Structures are given as structure tokens and as C-alpha cells.
N, C-alpha and C. Protein backbone atom coordinates (compact mmCIF):
# COMPACT_ATOMS: atom_id res chain seq x y z
N UNK A 1 123.64 162.61 211.21
CA UNK A 1 123.23 163.79 210.39
C UNK A 1 121.69 163.57 210.11
N UNK A 2 120.99 164.25 210.82
CA UNK A 2 119.53 164.08 210.60
C UNK A 2 118.76 165.24 211.38
N UNK A 3 117.59 164.88 211.72
CA UNK A 3 116.86 165.88 212.48
C UNK A 3 117.31 166.20 213.85
N UNK A 4 117.93 165.08 214.48
CA UNK A 4 118.39 165.41 215.89
C UNK A 4 119.77 166.12 215.91
N UNK A 5 120.45 166.21 214.84
CA UNK A 5 121.84 166.79 214.87
C UNK A 5 121.60 168.35 214.93
N UNK A 6 122.20 168.88 215.97
CA UNK A 6 122.06 170.36 216.15
C UNK A 6 122.94 171.18 215.21
N UNK A 7 123.88 170.52 214.56
CA UNK A 7 124.90 171.25 213.70
C UNK A 7 124.46 171.34 212.26
N UNK A 8 123.79 170.21 211.89
CA UNK A 8 123.40 170.17 210.42
C UNK A 8 122.09 171.15 210.02
N UNK A 9 122.32 171.38 208.85
CA UNK A 9 121.12 172.29 208.30
C UNK A 9 119.71 171.64 208.42
N UNK A 10 119.66 170.24 208.18
CA UNK A 10 118.34 169.66 208.42
C UNK A 10 118.00 169.70 209.84
N UNK A 11 118.94 169.51 210.85
CA UNK A 11 118.52 169.56 212.24
C UNK A 11 118.06 171.15 212.68
N UNK A 12 118.82 172.06 212.07
CA UNK A 12 118.38 173.33 212.18
C UNK A 12 116.99 173.79 211.76
N UNK A 13 116.72 173.22 210.56
CA UNK A 13 115.29 173.36 210.02
C UNK A 13 114.29 172.82 210.89
N UNK A 14 114.71 171.52 211.45
CA UNK A 14 113.71 170.90 212.20
C UNK A 14 113.39 171.59 213.52
N UNK A 15 114.41 172.12 214.12
CA UNK A 15 114.28 172.71 215.39
C UNK A 15 113.74 174.20 215.21
N UNK A 16 114.05 174.85 214.03
CA UNK A 16 113.61 176.24 213.73
C UNK A 16 114.66 177.09 214.24
N UNK A 17 115.95 176.63 214.29
CA UNK A 17 117.04 177.63 214.85
C UNK A 17 117.85 178.04 213.62
N UNK A 18 118.77 178.94 213.89
CA UNK A 18 119.75 179.42 212.91
C UNK A 18 121.11 179.24 213.49
N UNK A 19 122.04 179.38 212.52
CA UNK A 19 123.48 179.23 212.89
C UNK A 19 124.39 179.30 211.77
N UNK A 20 125.61 178.70 211.77
CA UNK A 20 126.56 178.78 210.68
C UNK A 20 126.01 178.00 209.56
N UNK A 21 125.45 176.73 209.74
CA UNK A 21 125.00 175.99 208.59
C UNK A 21 123.69 176.43 208.00
N UNK A 22 123.01 177.33 208.82
CA UNK A 22 121.78 177.82 208.30
C UNK A 22 121.66 179.28 208.65
N UNK A 23 122.31 180.00 207.86
CA UNK A 23 122.65 181.44 208.10
C UNK A 23 121.18 182.31 207.55
N UNK A 24 120.69 182.98 208.62
CA UNK A 24 119.51 183.76 208.26
C UNK A 24 119.70 184.84 207.22
N UNK A 25 120.86 185.39 207.20
CA UNK A 25 121.12 186.57 206.21
C UNK A 25 121.16 185.95 204.80
N UNK A 26 121.81 184.82 204.67
CA UNK A 26 121.88 184.10 203.41
C UNK A 26 120.56 183.72 202.79
N UNK A 27 119.68 183.12 203.75
CA UNK A 27 118.33 182.80 203.37
C UNK A 27 117.56 184.03 202.81
N UNK A 28 117.64 185.15 203.61
CA UNK A 28 116.87 186.33 203.18
C UNK A 28 117.37 186.91 201.95
N UNK A 29 118.65 186.90 201.61
CA UNK A 29 119.18 187.51 200.33
C UNK A 29 118.76 186.55 199.10
N UNK A 30 118.68 185.19 199.35
CA UNK A 30 118.24 184.22 198.44
C UNK A 30 116.80 184.54 198.12
N UNK A 31 115.97 184.73 199.02
CA UNK A 31 114.40 184.95 198.85
C UNK A 31 114.34 186.21 198.13
N UNK A 32 114.98 187.30 198.43
CA UNK A 32 114.82 188.47 197.74
C UNK A 32 115.24 188.40 196.31
N UNK A 33 116.38 187.68 196.06
CA UNK A 33 116.78 187.43 194.67
C UNK A 33 115.80 186.62 193.74
N UNK A 34 115.10 185.60 194.44
CA UNK A 34 114.12 184.81 193.75
C UNK A 34 112.84 185.72 193.45
N UNK A 35 112.48 186.55 194.48
CA UNK A 35 111.29 187.45 194.22
C UNK A 35 111.54 188.40 193.09
N UNK A 36 112.88 189.00 192.96
CA UNK A 36 113.11 189.87 191.89
C UNK A 36 113.16 189.21 190.50
N UNK A 37 113.49 188.04 190.45
CA UNK A 37 113.42 187.24 189.20
C UNK A 37 112.00 186.99 188.80
N UNK A 38 111.10 186.77 189.72
CA UNK A 38 109.58 186.79 189.33
C UNK A 38 109.18 187.94 188.82
N UNK A 39 109.52 189.07 189.38
CA UNK A 39 108.98 190.42 188.96
C UNK A 39 109.52 190.71 187.65
N UNK A 40 110.83 190.41 187.31
CA UNK A 40 111.51 190.70 186.14
C UNK A 40 110.82 189.93 184.93
N UNK A 41 110.43 188.82 185.17
CA UNK A 41 109.79 187.93 184.24
C UNK A 41 108.35 188.57 183.80
N UNK A 42 107.71 189.09 184.69
CA UNK A 42 106.37 189.58 184.41
C UNK A 42 106.48 190.98 183.79
N UNK A 43 107.61 191.79 184.03
CA UNK A 43 107.60 192.98 183.52
C UNK A 43 108.23 192.96 182.03
N UNK A 44 108.74 191.90 181.63
CA UNK A 44 109.14 191.79 180.15
C UNK A 44 108.03 191.48 179.16
N UNK A 45 106.87 191.26 179.69
CA UNK A 45 105.72 191.20 178.87
C UNK A 45 105.33 192.46 178.08
N UNK A 46 104.81 192.40 177.05
CA UNK A 46 104.54 193.63 176.34
C UNK A 46 103.21 194.24 176.90
N UNK A 47 103.18 195.61 177.09
CA UNK A 47 101.98 196.28 177.76
C UNK A 47 100.86 196.20 176.63
N UNK A 48 99.74 196.11 177.05
CA UNK A 48 98.58 196.08 176.19
C UNK A 48 98.38 197.32 175.26
N UNK A 49 98.14 197.28 174.21
CA UNK A 49 97.98 198.46 173.26
C UNK A 49 96.61 199.22 173.71
N UNK A 50 96.78 200.61 173.73
CA UNK A 50 95.64 201.37 174.13
C UNK A 50 94.68 201.57 172.89
N UNK A 51 93.51 201.66 173.09
CA UNK A 51 92.52 201.80 172.07
C UNK A 51 92.71 203.34 171.44
N UNK A 52 92.72 203.27 170.30
CA UNK A 52 92.75 204.59 169.57
C UNK A 52 91.42 205.07 169.24
N UNK A 53 91.12 206.33 169.58
CA UNK A 53 89.83 206.90 169.28
C UNK A 53 90.07 207.71 168.03
N UNK A 54 88.90 207.60 167.16
CA UNK A 54 89.01 208.38 165.92
C UNK A 54 88.62 209.76 166.21
N UNK A 55 89.36 210.86 165.62
CA UNK A 55 89.20 212.19 165.69
C UNK A 55 88.21 212.63 164.68
N UNK A 56 87.29 213.39 165.09
CA UNK A 56 86.36 213.95 164.21
C UNK A 56 86.99 215.03 163.25
N UNK A 57 86.70 214.99 161.93
CA UNK A 57 87.21 215.96 160.98
C UNK A 57 86.26 217.01 160.73
N UNK A 58 86.75 218.32 160.74
CA UNK A 58 85.84 219.38 160.41
C UNK A 58 85.50 219.54 158.83
């Protein structure tokens, strides 16, 4: 089990191939989930307050 092993995940990574031990669909869904977590963390920050302009009184 190492770089030369065609069936292990490490061997698949080294060769740049996909298969049962390194499923392309599973990798894509994991990356999407991680990207959504990063966006949700930034969206929980409070928005900056807008400057209030003083209205002129008549």
C-alpha cells in the first residue's frame, strides 16, 4: 500500500486516476460542502452601519 499500489487511495492520487477508493463524485461534494461553510462564516458577520445624514429642519 503506497504510491505504486493501483487500488489504494494514495496510489490513485499519485497516478492522478479515480476509482472506487478515490471517487470523483465524493470529492466534488466534499469540496462544495467546505466552500459553503466558508461562505456561511463570512455571512454571519454583522453588516456595517450606514451613515445617517441629518435632515434640515424648516
